[in-house]
All heavy atoms as atom14 arrays in JSON, in Angstrom:
{
  "sequence": "KDAEKTVKIAEEKIGEAANKAGELAGKAEDKANEAAQM",
  "atom14_mask": [
    [1, 1, 1, 1, 1, 1, 1, 1, 1, 0, 0, 0, 0, 0],
    [1, 1, 1, 1, 1, 1, 1, 1, 0, 0, 0, 0, 0, 0],
    [1, 1, 1, 1, 1, 0, 0, 0, 0, 0, 0, 0, 0, 0],
    [1, 1, 1, 1, 1, 1, 1, 1, 1, 0, 0, 0, 0, 0],
    [1, 1, 1, 1, 1, 1, 1, 1, 1, 0, 0, 0, 0, 0],
    [1, 1, 1, 1, 1, 1, 1, 0, 0, 0, 0, 0, 0, 0],
    [1, 1, 1, 1, 1, 1, 1, 0, 0, 0, 0, 0, 0, 0],
    [1, 1, 1, 1, 1, 1, 1, 1, 1, 0, 0, 0, 0, 0],
    [1, 1, 1, 1, 1, 1, 1, 1, 0, 0, 0, 0, 0, 0],
    [1, 1, 1, 1, 1, 0, 0, 0, 0, 0, 0, 0, 0, 0],
    [1, 1, 1, 1, 1, 1, 1, 1, 1, 0, 0, 0, 0, 0],
    [1, 1, 1, 1, 1, 1, 1, 1, 1, 0, 0, 0, 0, 0],
    [1, 1, 1, 1, 1, 1, 1, 1, 1, 0, 0, 0, 0, 0],
    [1, 1, 1, 1, 1, 1, 1, 1, 0, 0, 0, 0, 0, 0],
    [1, 1, 1, 1, 0, 0, 0, 0, 0, 0, 0, 0, 0, 0],
    [1, 1, 1, 1, 1, 1, 1, 1, 1, 0, 0, 0, 0, 0],
    [1, 1, 1, 1, 1, 0, 0, 0, 0, 0, 0, 0, 0, 0],
    [1, 1, 1, 1, 1, 0, 0, 0, 0, 0, 0, 0, 0, 0],
    [1, 1, 1, 1, 1, 1, 1, 1, 0, 0, 0, 0, 0, 0],
    [1, 1, 1, 1, 1, 1, 1, 1, 1, 0, 0, 0, 0, 0],
    [1, 1, 1, 1, 1, 0, 0, 0, 0, 0, 0, 0, 0, 0],
    [1, 1, 1, 1, 0, 0, 0, 0, 0, 0, 0, 0, 0, 0],
    [1, 1, 1, 1, 1, 1, 1, 1, 1, 0, 0, 0, 0, 0],
    [1, 1, 1, 1, 1, 1, 1, 1, 0, 0, 0, 0, 0, 0],
    [1, 1, 1, 1, 1, 0, 0, 0, 0, 0, 0, 0, 0, 0],
    [1, 1, 1, 1, 0, 0, 0, 0, 0, 0, 0, 0, 0, 0],
    [1, 1, 1, 1, 1, 1, 1, 1, 1, 0, 0, 0, 0, 0],
    [1, 1, 1, 1, 1, 0, 0, 0, 0, 0, 0, 0, 0, 0],
    [1, 1, 1, 1, 1, 1, 1, 1, 1, 0, 0, 0, 0, 0],
    [1, 1, 1, 1, 1, 1, 1, 1, 0, 0, 0, 0, 0, 0],
    [1, 1, 1, 1, 1, 1, 1, 1, 1, 0, 0, 0, 0, 0],
    [1, 1, 1, 1, 1, 0, 0, 0, 0, 0, 0, 0, 0, 0],
    [1, 1, 1, 1, 1, 1, 1, 1, 0, 0, 0, 0, 0, 0],
    [1, 1, 1, 1, 1, 1, 1, 1, 1, 0, 0, 0, 0, 0],
    [1, 1, 1, 1, 1, 0, 0, 0, 0, 0, 0, 0, 0, 0],
    [1, 1, 1, 1, 1, 0, 0, 0, 0, 0, 0, 0, 0, 0],
    [1, 1, 1, 1, 1, 1, 1, 1, 1, 0, 0, 0, 0, 0],
    [1, 1, 1, 1, 1, 1, 1, 1, 0, 0, 0, 0, 0, 0]
  ],
  "atom14_positions": [
    [[0.83, -1.21, 0.0], [0.0, 0.0, 0.0], [0.87, 1.25, 0.0], [0.58, 2.21, -0.72], [-0.94, -0.01, 1.21], [-2.08, -0.97, 1.09], [-2.97, -0.92, 2.33], [-4.06, -1.98, 2.26], [-4.87, -2.0, 3.48], [0.0, 0.0, 0.0], [0.0, 0.0, 0.0], [0.0, 0.0, 0.0], [0.0, 0.0, 0.0], [0.0, 0.0, 0.0]],
    [[1.95, 1.24, 0.82], [2.86, 2.39, 0.86], [3.52, 2.61, -0.5], [3.63, 3.74, -0.98], [3.94, 2.19, 1.93], [3.4, 2.39, 3.35], [2.29, 2.96, 3.48], [4.1, 2.01, 4.3], [0.0, 0.0, 0.0], [0.0, 0.0, 0.0], [0.0, 0.0, 0.0], [0.0, 0.0, 0.0], [0.0, 0.0, 0.0], [0.0, 0.0, 0.0]],
    [[3.94, 1.51, -1.13], [4.58, 1.61, -2.44], [3.6, 2.15, -3.47], [3.94, 3.02, -4.28], [5.13, 0.26, -2.88], [0.0, 0.0, 0.0], [0.0, 0.0, 0.0], [0.0, 0.0, 0.0], [0.0, 0.0, 0.0], [0.0, 0.0, 0.0], [0.0, 0.0, 0.0], [0.0, 0.0, 0.0], [0.0, 0.0, 0.0], [0.0, 0.0, 0.0]],
    [[2.36, 1.66, -3.4], [1.35, 2.13, -4.34], [1.06, 3.61, -4.12], [0.91, 4.37, -5.07], [0.06, 1.31, -4.18], [0.17, -0.1, -4.73], [-1.08, -0.94, -4.41], [-1.98, -0.45, -3.71], [-1.12, -2.09, -4.89], [0.0, 0.0, 0.0], [0.0, 0.0, 0.0], [0.0, 0.0, 0.0], [0.0, 0.0, 0.0], [0.0, 0.0, 0.0]],
    [[1.02, 3.99, -2.84], [0.77, 5.4, -2.5], [1.92, 6.28, -3.02], [1.7, 7.33, -3.61], [0.63, 5.53, -0.98], [0.14, 6.86, -0.53], [-0.08, 6.83, 0.99], [-0.61, 8.15, 1.47], [-0.83, 8.14, 2.93], [0.0, 0.0, 0.0], [0.0, 0.0, 0.0], [0.0, 0.0, 0.0], [0.0, 0.0, 0.0], [0.0, 0.0, 0.0]],
    [[3.16, 5.83, -2.84], [4.34, 6.57, -3.3], [4.32, 6.68, -4.83], [4.59, 7.75, -5.39], [5.63, 5.88, -2.83], [5.6, 5.78, -1.4], [6.86, 6.63, -3.26], [0.0, 0.0, 0.0], [0.0, 0.0, 0.0], [0.0, 0.0, 0.0], [0.0, 0.0, 0.0], [0.0, 0.0, 0.0], [0.0, 0.0, 0.0], [0.0, 0.0, 0.0]],
    [[3.98, 5.59, -5.49], [3.91, 5.59, -6.96], [2.84, 6.57, -7.41], [3.03, 7.35, -8.36], [3.64, 4.17, -7.51], [3.25, 4.21, -8.98], [4.85, 3.27, -7.3], [0.0, 0.0, 0.0], [0.0, 0.0, 0.0], [0.0, 0.0, 0.0], [0.0, 0.0, 0.0], [0.0, 0.0, 0.0], [0.0, 0.0, 0.0], [0.0, 0.0, 0.0]],
    [[1.69, 6.55, -6.71], [0.59, 7.46, -7.07], [1.01, 8.92, -6.89], [0.76, 9.76, -7.75], [-0.65, 7.15, -6.23], [-1.89, 7.86, -6.69], [-3.12, 7.4, -5.93], [-4.33, 8.1, -6.47], [-5.56, 7.68, -5.83], [0.0, 0.0, 0.0], [0.0, 0.0, 0.0], [0.0, 0.0, 0.0], [0.0, 0.0, 0.0], [0.0, 0.0, 0.0]],
    [[1.69, 9.23, -5.77], [2.18, 10.6, -5.52], [3.18, 11.01, -6.6], [3.13, 12.11, -7.14], [2.79, 10.71, -4.11], [1.68, 10.6, -3.05], [3.55, 12.02, -3.94], [2.19, 10.46, -1.62], [0.0, 0.0, 0.0], [0.0, 0.0, 0.0], [0.0, 0.0, 0.0], [0.0, 0.0, 0.0], [0.0, 0.0, 0.0], [0.0, 0.0, 0.0]],
    [[4.09, 10.08, -6.92], [5.09, 10.35, -7.95], [4.42, 10.62, -9.29], [4.79, 11.54, -10.02], [6.08, 9.19, -8.06], [0.0, 0.0, 0.0], [0.0, 0.0, 0.0], [0.0, 0.0, 0.0], [0.0, 0.0, 0.0], [0.0, 0.0, 0.0], [0.0, 0.0, 0.0], [0.0, 0.0, 0.0], [0.0, 0.0, 0.0], [0.0, 0.0, 0.0]],
    [[3.39, 9.82, -9.61], [2.67, 10.02, -10.87], [1.98, 11.37, -10.89], [1.97, 12.06, -11.91], [1.64, 8.9, -11.07], [2.24, 7.56, -11.46], [1.2, 6.44, -11.53], [0.07, 6.62, -11.03], [1.54, 5.38, -12.09], [0.0, 0.0, 0.0], [0.0, 0.0, 0.0], [0.0, 0.0, 0.0], [0.0, 0.0, 0.0], [0.0, 0.0, 0.0]],
    [[1.39, 11.76, -9.74], [0.74, 13.08, -9.67], [1.75, 14.2, -9.85], [1.5, 15.15, -10.59], [0.02, 13.23, -8.31], [-1.23, 12.38, -8.18], [-1.83, 12.41, -6.76], [-1.29, 13.14, -5.89], [-2.82, 11.71, -6.54], [0.0, 0.0, 0.0], [0.0, 0.0, 0.0], [0.0, 0.0, 0.0], [0.0, 0.0, 0.0], [0.0, 0.0, 0.0]],
    [[2.92, 14.07, -9.19], [3.95, 15.11, -9.32], [4.48, 15.18, -10.75], [4.71, 16.26, -11.27], [5.08, 14.86, -8.33], [4.62, 15.0, -6.89], [5.72, 15.51, -6.02], [5.23, 15.59, -4.59], [5.19, 16.89, -4.06], [0.0, 0.0, 0.0], [0.0, 0.0, 0.0], [0.0, 0.0, 0.0], [0.0, 0.0, 0.0], [0.0, 0.0, 0.0]],
    [[4.65, 14.02, -11.37], [5.11, 13.99, -12.77], [4.06, 14.65, -13.65], [4.38, 15.44, -14.54], [5.4, 12.54, -13.23], [6.66, 12.02, -12.54], [5.53, 12.46, -14.74], [6.93, 10.54, -12.75], [0.0, 0.0, 0.0], [0.0, 0.0, 0.0], [0.0, 0.0, 0.0], [0.0, 0.0, 0.0], [0.0, 0.0, 0.0], [0.0, 0.0, 0.0]],
    [[2.78, 14.36, -13.38], [1.7, 14.98, -14.15], [1.69, 16.49, -13.97], [1.55, 17.25, -14.93], [0.0, 0.0, 0.0], [0.0, 0.0, 0.0], [0.0, 0.0, 0.0], [0.0, 0.0, 0.0], [0.0, 0.0, 0.0], [0.0, 0.0, 0.0], [0.0, 0.0, 0.0], [0.0, 0.0, 0.0], [0.0, 0.0, 0.0], [0.0, 0.0, 0.0]],
    [[1.87, 16.94, -12.7], [1.92, 18.39, -12.44], [3.11, 19.03, -13.16], [2.98, 20.1, -13.75], [2.02, 18.64, -10.93], [0.76, 18.32, -10.16], [0.97, 18.4, -8.63], [2.02, 18.88, -8.19], [0.05, 17.97, -7.9], [0.0, 0.0, 0.0], [0.0, 0.0, 0.0], [0.0, 0.0, 0.0], [0.0, 0.0, 0.0], [0.0, 0.0, 0.0]],
    [[4.27, 18.36, -13.08], [5.48, 18.88, -13.75], [5.26, 18.94, -15.26], [5.65, 19.91, -15.92], [6.69, 18.02, -13.41], [0.0, 0.0, 0.0], [0.0, 0.0, 0.0], [0.0, 0.0, 0.0], [0.0, 0.0, 0.0], [0.0, 0.0, 0.0], [0.0, 0.0, 0.0], [0.0, 0.0, 0.0], [0.0, 0.0, 0.0], [0.0, 0.0, 0.0]],
    [[4.61, 17.91, -15.8], [4.34, 17.9, -17.24], [3.38, 19.03, -17.61], [3.58, 19.71, -18.63], [3.76, 16.55, -17.65], [0.0, 0.0, 0.0], [0.0, 0.0, 0.0], [0.0, 0.0, 0.0], [0.0, 0.0, 0.0], [0.0, 0.0, 0.0], [0.0, 0.0, 0.0], [0.0, 0.0, 0.0], [0.0, 0.0, 0.0], [0.0, 0.0, 0.0]],
    [[2.37, 19.25, -16.79], [1.43, 20.35, -17.05], [2.15, 21.7, -16.99], [1.94, 22.57, -17.84], [0.28, 20.33, -16.04], [-0.69, 19.19, -16.3], [-0.74, 18.64, -17.4], [-1.46, 18.82, -15.28], [0.0, 0.0, 0.0], [0.0, 0.0, 0.0], [0.0, 0.0, 0.0], [0.0, 0.0, 0.0], [0.0, 0.0, 0.0], [0.0, 0.0, 0.0]],
    [[3.0, 21.85, -15.96], [3.74, 23.1, -15.8], [4.68, 23.31, -17.0], [4.79, 24.41, -17.54], [4.53, 23.1, -14.5], [4.93, 24.46, -14.04], [5.39, 24.42, -12.61], [4.92, 25.69, -11.96], [4.99, 25.7, -10.53], [0.0, 0.0, 0.0], [0.0, 0.0, 0.0], [0.0, 0.0, 0.0], [0.0, 0.0, 0.0], [0.0, 0.0, 0.0]],
    [[5.36, 22.23, -17.41], [6.25, 22.31, -18.57], [5.45, 22.68, -19.82], [5.9, 23.48, -20.64], [6.98, 20.98, -18.77], [0.0, 0.0, 0.0], [0.0, 0.0, 0.0], [0.0, 0.0, 0.0], [0.0, 0.0, 0.0], [0.0, 0.0, 0.0], [0.0, 0.0, 0.0], [0.0, 0.0, 0.0], [0.0, 0.0, 0.0], [0.0, 0.0, 0.0]],
    [[4.26, 22.1, -19.94], [3.4, 22.42, -21.09], [2.99, 23.89, -21.07], [2.99, 24.56, -22.1], [0.0, 0.0, 0.0], [0.0, 0.0, 0.0], [0.0, 0.0, 0.0], [0.0, 0.0, 0.0], [0.0, 0.0, 0.0], [0.0, 0.0, 0.0], [0.0, 0.0, 0.0], [0.0, 0.0, 0.0], [0.0, 0.0, 0.0], [0.0, 0.0, 0.0]],
    [[2.64, 24.39, -19.87], [2.28, 25.81, -19.74], [3.46, 26.71, -20.12], [3.29, 27.68, -20.85], [1.85, 26.12, -18.29], [0.51, 25.55, -17.9], [0.2, 25.77, -16.42], [0.8, 26.68, -15.81], [-0.62, 25.01, -15.88], [0.0, 0.0, 0.0], [0.0, 0.0, 0.0], [0.0, 0.0, 0.0], [0.0, 0.0, 0.0], [0.0, 0.0, 0.0]],
    [[4.66, 26.36, -19.58], [5.85, 27.16, -19.9], [6.16, 27.12, -21.39], [6.51, 28.14, -21.99], [7.05, 26.67, -19.08], [6.98, 26.94, -17.58], [8.15, 26.27, -16.87], [6.95, 28.43, -17.29], [0.0, 0.0, 0.0], [0.0, 0.0, 0.0], [0.0, 0.0, 0.0], [0.0, 0.0, 0.0], [0.0, 0.0, 0.0], [0.0, 0.0, 0.0]],
    [[6.03, 25.95, -21.99], [6.26, 25.83, -23.43], [5.26, 26.67, -24.19], [5.6, 27.35, -25.17], [6.18, 24.36, -23.86], [0.0, 0.0, 0.0], [0.0, 0.0, 0.0], [0.0, 0.0, 0.0], [0.0, 0.0, 0.0], [0.0, 0.0, 0.0], [0.0, 0.0, 0.0], [0.0, 0.0, 0.0], [0.0, 0.0, 0.0], [0.0, 0.0, 0.0]],
    [[4.0, 26.65, -23.74], [2.96, 27.47, -24.38], [3.28, 28.95, -24.26], [3.15, 29.71, -25.22], [0.0, 0.0, 0.0], [0.0, 0.0, 0.0], [0.0, 0.0, 0.0], [0.0, 0.0, 0.0], [0.0, 0.0, 0.0], [0.0, 0.0, 0.0], [0.0, 0.0, 0.0], [0.0, 0.0, 0.0], [0.0, 0.0, 0.0], [0.0, 0.0, 0.0]],
    [[3.74, 29.35, -23.06], [4.12, 30.77, -22.86], [5.3, 31.13, -23.74], [5.32, 32.21, -24.33], [4.44, 31.03, -21.39], [3.21, 31.05, -20.5], [3.59, 31.31, -19.06], [2.36, 31.29, -18.16], [2.7, 31.47, -16.75], [0.0, 0.0, 0.0], [0.0, 0.0, 0.0], [0.0, 0.0, 0.0], [0.0, 0.0, 0.0], [0.0, 0.0, 0.0]],
    [[6.29, 30.24, -23.82], [7.46, 30.5, -24.66], [7.05, 30.62, -26.12], [7.52, 31.5, -26.85], [8.5, 29.39, -24.48], [0.0, 0.0, 0.0], [0.0, 0.0, 0.0], [0.0, 0.0, 0.0], [0.0, 0.0, 0.0], [0.0, 0.0, 0.0], [0.0, 0.0, 0.0], [0.0, 0.0, 0.0], [0.0, 0.0, 0.0], [0.0, 0.0, 0.0]],
    [[6.14, 29.76, -26.55], [5.66, 29.82, -27.93], [4.91, 31.12, -28.17], [5.08, 31.76, -29.21], [4.74, 28.62, -28.21], [4.3, 28.53, -29.66], [3.43, 27.31, -29.95], [3.3, 26.43, -29.07], [2.9, 27.25, -31.06], [0.0, 0.0, 0.0], [0.0, 0.0, 0.0], [0.0, 0.0, 0.0], [0.0, 0.0, 0.0], [0.0, 0.0, 0.0]],
    [[4.1, 31.54, -27.18], [3.39, 32.81, -27.31], [4.37, 33.97, -27.44], [4.19, 34.86, -28.28], [2.47, 33.04, -26.09], [1.28, 32.08, -26.07], [1.01, 31.43, -27.1], [0.64, 31.98, -25.0], [0.0, 0.0, 0.0], [0.0, 0.0, 0.0], [0.0, 0.0, 0.0], [0.0, 0.0, 0.0], [0.0, 0.0, 0.0], [0.0, 0.0, 0.0]],
    [[5.42, 33.95, -26.59], [6.43, 35.03, -26.64], [7.15, 35.02, -27.98], [7.4, 36.06, -28.57], [7.45, 34.87, -25.5], [6.89, 35.14, -24.14], [6.58, 36.59, -23.94], [6.08, 36.85, -22.54], [5.63, 38.18, -22.32], [0.0, 0.0, 0.0], [0.0, 0.0, 0.0], [0.0, 0.0, 0.0], [0.0, 0.0, 0.0], [0.0, 0.0, 0.0]],
    [[7.48, 33.82, -28.48], [8.14, 33.72, -29.78], [7.24, 34.25, -30.87], [7.69, 34.97, -31.78], [8.53, 32.27, -30.06], [0.0, 0.0, 0.0], [0.0, 0.0, 0.0], [0.0, 0.0, 0.0], [0.0, 0.0, 0.0], [0.0, 0.0, 0.0], [0.0, 0.0, 0.0], [0.0, 0.0, 0.0], [0.0, 0.0, 0.0], [0.0, 0.0, 0.0]],
    [[5.95, 33.93, -30.8], [5.0, 34.44, -31.8], [4.87, 35.94, -31.72], [4.8, 36.63, -32.75], [3.63, 33.77, -31.63], [3.63, 32.31, -32.06], [4.5, 31.88, -32.83], [2.7, 31.54, -31.55], [0.0, 0.0, 0.0], [0.0, 0.0, 0.0], [0.0, 0.0, 0.0], [0.0, 0.0, 0.0], [0.0, 0.0, 0.0], [0.0, 0.0, 0.0]],
    [[4.85, 36.48, -30.49], [4.79, 37.94, -30.32], [6.02, 38.6, -30.92], [5.91, 39.61, -31.62], [4.7, 38.3, -28.83], [3.36, 38.06, -28.19], [3.38, 38.35, -26.68], [4.19, 39.18, -26.24], [2.58, 37.74, -25.97], [0.0, 0.0, 0.0], [0.0, 0.0, 0.0], [0.0, 0.0, 0.0], [0.0, 0.0, 0.0], [0.0, 0.0, 0.0]],
    [[7.19, 38.01, -30.63], [8.44, 38.56, -31.17], [8.44, 38.5, -32.7], [8.81, 39.47, -33.36], [9.64, 37.81, -30.62], [0.0, 0.0, 0.0], [0.0, 0.0, 0.0], [0.0, 0.0, 0.0], [0.0, 0.0, 0.0], [0.0, 0.0, 0.0], [0.0, 0.0, 0.0], [0.0, 0.0, 0.0], [0.0, 0.0, 0.0], [0.0, 0.0, 0.0]],
    [[7.99, 37.39, -33.25], [7.93, 37.26, -34.71], [6.98, 38.28, -35.31], [7.27, 38.91, -36.33], [7.49, 35.84, -35.09], [0.0, 0.0, 0.0], [0.0, 0.0, 0.0], [0.0, 0.0, 0.0], [0.0, 0.0, 0.0], [0.0, 0.0, 0.0], [0.0, 0.0, 0.0], [0.0, 0.0, 0.0], [0.0, 0.0, 0.0], [0.0, 0.0, 0.0]],
    [[5.84, 38.48, -34.65], [4.88, 39.46, -35.15], [5.46, 40.87, -35.07], [5.31, 41.67, -35.99], [3.59, 39.38, -34.33], [2.5, 40.31, -34.85], [1.2, 40.17, -34.06], [1.1, 39.36, -33.16], [0.23, 40.98, -34.42], [0.0, 0.0, 0.0], [0.0, 0.0, 0.0], [0.0, 0.0, 0.0], [0.0, 0.0, 0.0], [0.0, 0.0, 0.0]],
    [[6.18, 41.15, -33.97], [6.79, 42.48, -33.81], [7.83, 42.72, -34.92], [7.89, 43.79, -35.5], [7.46, 42.59, -32.44], [7.84, 44.01, -32.07], [8.66, 44.19, -30.46], [7.81, 43.07, -29.42], [0.0, 0.0, 0.0], [0.0, 0.0, 0.0], [0.0, 0.0, 0.0], [0.0, 0.0, 0.0], [0.0, 0.0, 0.0], [0.0, 0.0, 0.0]]
  ]
}
């Protein structure tokens, strides 16, 4: 149960990190598009 709980927490943290990375990538893409438009 402890191992399953740790795996579940790790999966949640990986999911959060992936979401955050996706957000940052989206922001970077937005900034690049703004710069290109400018």
